[in-house]
């Protein structure tokens, strides 16, 4: 689904549903998924990095994937 289709769907939500979607996105964006946690652990075994450096890599990955 592209951004235009997603925008149309979001605009048709009720205020309550929209607020719920925003809350869920905020929660998910605030913490890495299990996949990213597992990748972080594997990466740490091979490359000792600080948690800040790992978090920067995660944010870089997210911005590249979702623009």
N, C-alpha and C. Protein backbone atom coordinates (compact mmCIF):
# COMPACT_ATOMS: atom_id res chain seq x y z
N UNK A 1 0.86 -1.16 0.00
CA UNK A 1 0.00 0.00 0.00
C UNK A 1 0.91 1.23 0.00
N UNK A 2 0.60 2.15 -0.90
CA UNK A 2 1.40 3.36 -1.00
C UNK A 2 0.91 4.44 -0.04
N UNK A 3 1.68 5.50 0.02
CA UNK A 3 1.34 6.61 0.93
C UNK A 3 0.01 7.25 0.56
N UNK A 4 -0.30 7.47 -0.73
CA UNK A 4 -1.61 8.07 -1.03
C UNK A 4 -2.80 7.23 -0.55
N UNK A 5 -2.71 5.91 -0.74
CA UNK A 5 -3.79 5.03 -0.28
C UNK A 5 -3.89 5.04 1.24
N UNK A 6 -2.75 5.02 1.90
CA UNK A 6 -2.74 5.05 3.36
C UNK A 6 -3.31 6.36 3.88
N UNK A 7 -2.97 7.45 3.23
CA UNK A 7 -3.49 8.77 3.63
C UNK A 7 -5.01 8.80 3.53
N UNK A 8 -5.56 8.27 2.45
CA UNK A 8 -7.01 8.24 2.26
C UNK A 8 -7.66 7.42 3.36
N UNK A 9 -7.08 6.26 3.67
CA UNK A 9 -7.65 5.41 4.71
C UNK A 9 -7.60 6.09 6.08
N UNK A 10 -6.50 6.76 6.38
CA UNK A 10 -6.39 7.45 7.66
C UNK A 10 -7.40 8.59 7.76
N UNK A 11 -7.66 9.26 6.66
CA UNK A 11 -8.60 10.38 6.67
C UNK A 11 -10.04 9.92 6.88
N UNK A 12 -10.31 8.67 6.60
CA UNK A 12 -11.68 8.17 6.76
C UNK A 12 -11.95 7.60 8.16
N UNK A 13 -10.92 7.53 8.99
CA UNK A 13 -11.10 7.00 10.35
C UNK A 13 -11.84 7.99 11.23
N UNK A 14 -12.55 7.44 12.19
CA UNK A 14 -13.18 8.30 13.20
C UNK A 14 -12.07 8.90 14.06
N UNK A 15 -12.34 9.99 14.77
CA UNK A 15 -11.31 10.58 15.64
C UNK A 15 -10.76 9.59 16.66
N UNK A 16 -11.63 8.74 17.22
CA UNK A 16 -11.18 7.76 18.20
C UNK A 16 -10.25 6.73 17.57
N UNK A 17 -10.63 6.24 16.39
CA UNK A 17 -9.79 5.26 15.70
C UNK A 17 -8.46 5.87 15.27
N UNK A 18 -8.51 7.11 14.80
CA UNK A 18 -7.29 7.79 14.39
C UNK A 18 -6.34 7.93 15.58
N UNK A 19 -6.87 8.34 16.73
CA UNK A 19 -6.05 8.50 17.93
C UNK A 19 -5.44 7.17 18.35
N UNK A 20 -6.20 6.09 18.20
CA UNK A 20 -5.69 4.77 18.55
C UNK A 20 -4.54 4.39 17.62
N UNK A 21 -4.69 4.64 16.33
CA UNK A 21 -3.62 4.33 15.37
C UNK A 21 -2.37 5.14 15.69
N UNK A 22 -2.54 6.41 16.00
CA UNK A 22 -1.40 7.26 16.34
C UNK A 22 -0.70 6.73 17.59
N UNK A 23 -1.47 6.33 18.58
CA UNK A 23 -0.89 5.80 19.81
C UNK A 23 -0.09 4.52 19.52
N UNK A 24 -0.65 3.64 18.70
CA UNK A 24 0.04 2.39 18.37
C UNK A 24 1.34 2.66 17.61
N UNK A 25 1.28 3.57 16.65
CA UNK A 25 2.49 3.91 15.89
C UNK A 25 3.55 4.49 16.81
N UNK A 26 3.15 5.37 17.71
CA UNK A 26 4.10 5.95 18.65
C UNK A 26 4.74 4.88 19.52
N UNK A 27 3.94 3.96 20.00
CA UNK A 27 4.49 2.88 20.84
C UNK A 27 5.45 2.00 20.06
N UNK A 28 5.07 1.64 18.85
CA UNK A 28 5.93 0.76 18.04
C UNK A 28 7.20 1.47 17.61
N UNK A 29 7.12 2.75 17.34
CA UNK A 29 8.30 3.50 16.92
C UNK A 29 9.25 3.73 18.08
N UNK A 30 8.74 3.70 19.29
CA UNK A 30 9.56 3.98 20.45
C UNK A 30 10.41 2.83 20.92
N UNK A 31 10.16 1.64 20.44
CA UNK A 31 10.98 0.49 20.87
C UNK A 31 11.19 -0.45 19.69
N UNK A 32 12.36 -1.03 19.63
CA UNK A 32 12.66 -1.93 18.51
C UNK A 32 11.79 -3.19 18.55
N UNK A 33 11.48 -3.70 17.40
CA UNK A 33 10.72 -4.94 17.33
C UNK A 33 11.60 -6.11 17.77
N UNK A 34 11.00 -7.25 17.95
CA UNK A 34 11.75 -8.45 18.34
C UNK A 34 12.80 -8.80 17.30
N UNK A 35 12.48 -8.56 16.03
CA UNK A 35 13.45 -8.84 14.96
C UNK A 35 14.67 -7.96 15.13
N UNK A 36 14.43 -6.67 15.40
CA UNK A 36 15.56 -5.76 15.58
C UNK A 36 16.32 -6.06 16.87
N UNK A 37 15.63 -6.51 17.91
CA UNK A 37 16.33 -6.88 19.15
C UNK A 37 17.25 -8.07 18.91
N UNK A 38 16.77 -9.06 18.18
CA UNK A 38 17.59 -10.23 17.87
C UNK A 38 18.78 -9.84 17.02
N UNK A 39 18.54 -8.99 16.03
CA UNK A 39 19.64 -8.53 15.18
C UNK A 39 20.65 -7.74 16.00
N UNK A 40 20.17 -6.95 16.93
CA UNK A 40 21.05 -6.16 17.80
C UNK A 40 21.96 -7.09 18.61
N UNK A 41 21.40 -8.15 19.18
CA UNK A 41 22.19 -9.08 19.99
C UNK A 41 23.25 -9.78 19.15
N UNK A 42 22.87 -10.23 17.94
CA UNK A 42 23.83 -10.90 17.06
C UNK A 42 24.95 -9.93 16.66
N UNK A 43 24.55 -8.72 16.36
CA UNK A 43 25.53 -7.73 15.93
C UNK A 43 26.52 -7.40 17.05
N UNK A 44 26.01 -7.33 18.28
CA UNK A 44 26.87 -7.03 19.42
C UNK A 44 27.93 -8.10 19.64
N UNK A 45 27.57 -9.35 19.36
CA UNK A 45 28.54 -10.43 19.52
C UNK A 45 29.72 -10.25 18.57
N UNK A 46 29.44 -9.77 17.35
CA UNK A 46 30.48 -9.60 16.34
C UNK A 46 31.16 -8.24 16.42
N UNK A 47 30.41 -7.21 16.77
CA UNK A 47 30.91 -5.83 16.76
C UNK A 47 30.55 -5.13 18.06
N UNK A 48 31.49 -4.99 18.95
CA UNK A 48 31.17 -4.29 20.19
C UNK A 48 30.89 -2.82 19.92
N UNK A 49 29.64 -2.43 20.14
CA UNK A 49 29.22 -1.05 19.93
C UNK A 49 28.46 -0.59 21.17
N UNK A 50 28.38 0.69 21.34
CA UNK A 50 27.56 1.20 22.42
C UNK A 50 26.10 1.08 22.02
N UNK A 51 25.21 1.10 22.99
CA UNK A 51 23.78 1.02 22.69
C UNK A 51 23.34 2.22 21.87
N UNK A 52 23.94 3.39 22.09
CA UNK A 52 23.60 4.57 21.30
C UNK A 52 23.95 4.35 19.83
N UNK A 53 25.10 3.74 19.57
CA UNK A 53 25.50 3.47 18.20
C UNK A 53 24.55 2.47 17.54
N UNK A 54 24.12 1.49 18.30
CA UNK A 54 23.17 0.50 17.77
C UNK A 54 21.84 1.18 17.47
N UNK A 55 21.37 2.02 18.39
CA UNK A 55 20.10 2.72 18.17
C UNK A 55 20.18 3.63 16.95
N UNK A 56 21.34 4.24 16.72
CA UNK A 56 21.51 5.07 15.52
C UNK A 56 21.40 4.22 14.26
N UNK A 57 21.97 3.02 14.29
CA UNK A 57 21.88 2.11 13.15
C UNK A 57 20.43 1.69 12.91
N UNK A 58 19.69 1.46 13.98
CA UNK A 58 18.28 1.08 13.85
C UNK A 58 17.49 2.22 13.22
N UNK A 59 17.71 3.44 13.69
CA UNK A 59 17.01 4.59 13.13
C UNK A 59 17.38 4.79 11.66
N UNK A 60 18.64 4.57 11.33
CA UNK A 60 19.08 4.67 9.93
C UNK A 60 18.35 3.63 9.08
N UNK A 61 18.25 2.41 9.58
CA UNK A 61 17.55 1.34 8.86
C UNK A 61 16.08 1.71 8.64
N UNK A 62 15.44 2.21 9.70
CA UNK A 62 14.03 2.59 9.59
C UNK A 62 13.83 3.70 8.59
N UNK A 63 14.69 4.71 8.62
CA UNK A 63 14.52 5.84 7.71
C UNK A 63 14.77 5.43 6.26
N UNK A 64 15.70 4.51 6.05
CA UNK A 64 15.94 4.01 4.69
C UNK A 64 14.78 3.16 4.21
N UNK A 65 14.19 2.37 5.11
CA UNK A 65 13.11 1.47 4.71
C UNK A 65 11.81 2.21 4.47
N UNK A 66 11.50 3.17 5.36
CA UNK A 66 10.19 3.85 5.26
C UNK A 66 10.28 5.29 4.80
N UNK A 67 11.47 5.76 4.53
CA UNK A 67 11.64 7.13 4.02
C UNK A 67 11.41 8.11 5.00
